[in-house]
C-alpha atoms as a PDB file:
ATOM      1  CA  MET A   1      -6.196 -21.469 -88.826  1.00  0.00           C
ATOM      2  CA  GLY A   2      -7.353 -19.028 -86.145  1.00  0.00           C
ATOM      3  CA  LEU A   3      -8.405 -21.824 -83.795  1.00  0.00           C
ATOM      4  CA  ALA A   4      -5.014 -23.539 -84.158  1.00  0.00           C
ATOM      5  CA  ALA A   5      -3.206 -20.268 -83.387  1.00  0.00           C
ATOM      6  CA  LEU A   6      -5.399 -19.706 -80.345  1.00  0.00           C
ATOM      7  CA  SER A   7      -4.704 -23.258 -79.146  1.00  0.00           C
ATOM      8  CA  LEU A   8      -0.966 -22.734 -79.616  1.00  0.00           C
ATOM      9  CA  LEU A   9      -1.132 -19.441 -77.733  1.00  0.00           C
ATOM     10  CA  LEU A  10      -2.981 -21.102 -74.853  1.00  0.00           C
ATOM     11  CA  VAL A  11      -0.361 -23.873 -74.711  1.00  0.00           C
ATOM     12  CA  VAL A  12       2.419 -21.277 -74.515  1.00  0.00           C
ATOM     13  CA  VAL A  13       0.576 -19.297 -71.809  1.00  0.00           C
ATOM     14  CA  ASN A  14      -0.011 -22.515 -69.864  1.00  0.00           C
ATOM     15  CA  GLY A  15       3.699 -23.364 -70.070  1.00  0.00           C
ATOM     16  CA  VAL A  16       4.661 -19.911 -68.795  1.00  0.00           C
ATOM     17  CA  LEU A  17       2.223 -20.215 -65.895  1.00  0.00           C
ATOM     18  CA  VAL A  18       3.586 -23.657 -64.976  1.00  0.00           C
ATOM     19  CA  VAL A  19       7.156 -22.317 -64.876  1.00  0.00           C
ATOM     20  CA  ARG A  20       6.113 -19.307 -62.766  1.00  0.00           C
ATOM     21  CA  ASN A  21       4.181 -21.561 -60.392  1.00  0.00           C
ATOM     22  CA  GLN A  22       7.174 -23.865 -59.943  1.00  0.00           C
ATOM     23  CA  SER A  23       9.478 -20.956 -59.154  1.00  0.00           C
ATOM     24  CA  SER A  24       6.935 -19.559 -56.683  1.00  0.00           C
ATOM     25  CA  GLN A  25       6.672 -22.956 -55.002  1.00  0.00           C
ATOM     26  CA  LEU A  26      10.452 -23.111 -54.715  1.00  0.00           C
ATOM     27  CA  VAL A  27      10.544 -19.731 -52.972  1.00  0.00           C
ATOM     28  CA  VAL A  28       7.757 -20.737 -50.583  1.00  0.00           C
ATOM     29  CA  ASN A  29       9.474 -24.045 -49.778  1.00  0.00           C
ATOM     30  CA  GLN A  30      12.751 -22.238 -49.033  1.00  0.00           C
ATOM     31  CA  ARG A  31      10.990 -19.805 -46.707  1.00  0.00           C
ATOM     32  CA  GLN A  32       9.217 -22.665 -44.937  1.00  0.00           C
ATOM     33  CA  GLN A  33      12.553 -24.392 -44.437  1.00  0.00           C
ATOM     34  CA  VAL A  34      13.941 -21.245 -42.783  1.00  0.00           C
ATOM     35  CA  VAL A  35      10.913 -21.120 -40.461  1.00  0.00           C
ATOM     36  CA  ASN A  36      11.312 -24.805 -39.563  1.00  0.00           C
ATOM     37  CA  GLN A  37      15.019 -24.360 -38.863  1.00  0.00           C
ATOM     38  CA  GLY A  38      14.276 -21.376 -36.639  1.00  0.00           C
ATOM     39  CA  LEU A  39      11.907 -23.488 -34.551  1.00  0.00           C
ATOM     40  CA  GLN A  40      14.511 -26.231 -34.270  1.00  0.00           C
ATOM     41  CA  TYR A  41      17.146 -23.707 -33.197  1.00  0.00           C
ATOM     42  CA  ALA A  42      14.751 -22.313 -30.591  1.00  0.00           C
ATOM     43  CA  ARG A  43      14.567 -25.773 -29.030  1.00  0.00           C
ATOM     44  CA  VAL A  44      18.384 -26.032 -29.036  1.00  0.00           C
ATOM     45  CA  ARG A  45      18.651 -22.593 -27.409  1.00  0.00           C
ATOM     46  CA  GLN A  46      16.180 -23.660 -24.726  1.00  0.00           C
ATOM     47  CA  ILE A  47      18.170 -26.812 -23.946  1.00  0.00           C
ATOM     48  CA  MET A  48      21.419 -24.826 -23.800  1.00  0.00           C
ATOM     49  CA  ALA A  49      19.877 -22.250 -21.460  1.00  0.00           C
ATOM     50  CA  GLN A  50      18.598 -25.026 -19.228  1.00  0.00           C
ATOM     51  CA  ALA A  51      22.048 -26.650 -19.093  1.00  0.00           C
ATOM     52  CA  VAL A  52      23.699 -23.318 -18.218  1.00  0.00           C
ATOM     53  CA  ALA A  53      21.044 -22.676 -15.550  1.00  0.00           C
ATOM     54  CA  ASN A  54      21.615 -26.110 -14.048  1.00  0.00           C
ATOM     55  CA  ILE A  55      25.350 -25.418 -13.851  1.00  0.00           C
ATOM     56  CA  ALA A  56      24.688 -21.987 -12.338  1.00  0.00           C
ATOM     57  CA  VAL A  57      22.538 -23.570  -9.612  1.00  0.00           C
ATOM     58  CA  GLN A  58      24.904 -26.483  -8.942  1.00  0.00           C
ATOM     59  CA  LYS A  59      27.953 -24.255  -8.620  1.00  0.00           C
ATOM     60  CA  ASN A  60      26.075 -21.275  -7.149  1.00  0.00           C
ATOM     61  CA  ASP A  61      27.608 -19.177  -9.932  1.00  0.00           C
ATOM     62  CA  ARG A  62      26.322 -15.611  -9.739  1.00  0.00           C
ATOM     63  CA  ASP A  63      28.073 -14.628 -12.982  1.00  0.00           C
ATOM     64  CA  LEU A  64      26.177 -17.281 -14.959  1.00  0.00           C
ATOM     65  CA  THR A  65      22.940 -16.282 -13.230  1.00  0.00           C
ATOM     66  CA  ALA A  66      23.591 -12.655 -14.187  1.00  0.00           C
ATOM     67  CA  LEU A  67      24.400 -13.674 -17.766  1.00  0.00           C
ATOM     68  CA  LEU A  68      21.120 -15.548 -18.036  1.00  0.00           C
ATOM     69  CA  ALA A  69      19.233 -12.621 -16.489  1.00  0.00           C
ATOM     70  CA  ARG A  70      20.728 -10.233 -19.058  1.00  0.00           C
ATOM     71  CA  HIS A  71      19.179 -12.434 -21.744  1.00  0.00           C
ATOM     72  CA  GLY A  72      15.760 -12.544 -20.090  1.00  0.00           C
ATOM     73  CA  ILE A  73      16.098 -15.931 -18.391  1.00  0.00           C
ATOM     74  CA  THR A  74      15.426 -16.280 -14.672  1.00  0.00           C
ATOM     75  CA  ILE A  75      16.142 -19.348 -12.567  1.00  0.00           C
ATOM     76  CA  ASN A  76      13.381 -20.667 -10.293  1.00  0.00           C
ATOM     77  CA  GLN A  77      13.810 -22.673  -7.066  1.00  0.00           C
ATOM     78  CA  THR A  78      14.389 -25.987  -8.869  1.00  0.00           C
ATOM     79  CA  GLY A  79      16.999 -24.553 -11.210  1.00  0.00           C
ATOM     80  CA  ALA A  80      15.004 -24.794 -14.405  1.00  0.00           C
ATOM     81  CA  PRO A  81      15.263 -21.626 -16.484  1.00  0.00           C
ATOM     82  CA  GLN A  82      12.151 -19.617 -17.196  1.00  0.00           C
ATOM     83  CA  ALA A  83      11.670 -16.891 -19.769  1.00  0.00           C
ATOM     84  CA  ALA A  84      11.174 -13.422 -18.395  1.00  0.00           C
ATOM     85  CA  PRO A  85       7.507 -12.299 -18.336  1.00  0.00           C
ATOM     86  CA  ASP A  86       7.958  -9.961 -21.297  1.00  0.00           C
ATOM     87  CA  ALA A  87       9.884 -12.498 -23.406  1.00  0.00           C
ATOM     88  CA  PRO A  88       7.973 -14.799 -25.767  1.00  0.00           C
ATOM     89  CA  ALA A  89       7.891 -18.447 -24.772  1.00  0.00           C
ATOM     90  CA  PRO A  90       9.849 -20.747 -27.113  1.00  0.00           C
ATOM     91  CA  ALA A  91       8.005 -23.367 -29.137  1.00  0.00           C
ATOM     92  CA  LEU A  92       8.321 -26.857 -27.691  1.00  0.00           C
ATOM     93  CA  ALA A  93       6.371 -28.908 -30.211  1.00  0.00           C
ATOM     94  CA  PRO A  94       8.398 -31.022 -32.644  1.00  0.00           C
ATOM     95  CA  VAL A  95       8.509 -29.656 -36.162  1.00  0.00           C
ATOM     96  CA  PRO A  96       7.351 -32.040 -38.890  1.00  0.00           C
ATOM     97  CA  ALA A  97       9.538 -32.432 -41.942  1.00  0.00           C
ATOM     98  CA  PRO A  98       8.389 -30.362 -44.941  1.00  0.00           C
ATOM     99  CA  ALA A  99       6.495 -32.209 -47.631  1.00  0.00           C
ATOM    100  CA  PRO A 100       8.527 -32.966 -50.761  1.00  0.00           C
ATOM    101  CA  ALA A 101       7.989 -30.553 -53.615  1.00  0.00           C
ATOM    102  CA  ARG A 102       5.809 -31.754 -56.453  1.00  0.00           C
ATOM    103  CA  ARG A 103       7.343 -31.900 -59.857  1.00  0.00           C
END
């Protein structure tokens, strides 16, 4: 009888651990998705800044140039925006899709 009770207890503990592991995996997957989205948005921000810089150069718009400078973006001779020296460089590598969660 004692061995059966111990086996039943271990089954219950195993079930609890499985449920906790699944919920932990869900939280980790959600956080990873936020990180991946942030990297994707960084790429979009870079493209937008480059488009604004191109317009600023084409139209010789000092207001746009000043706006970019206030946000740490300088325009070089060719018109491509560059991050200020103290600003971190944005990630350019494509972000792979997250692996599907195991069930």
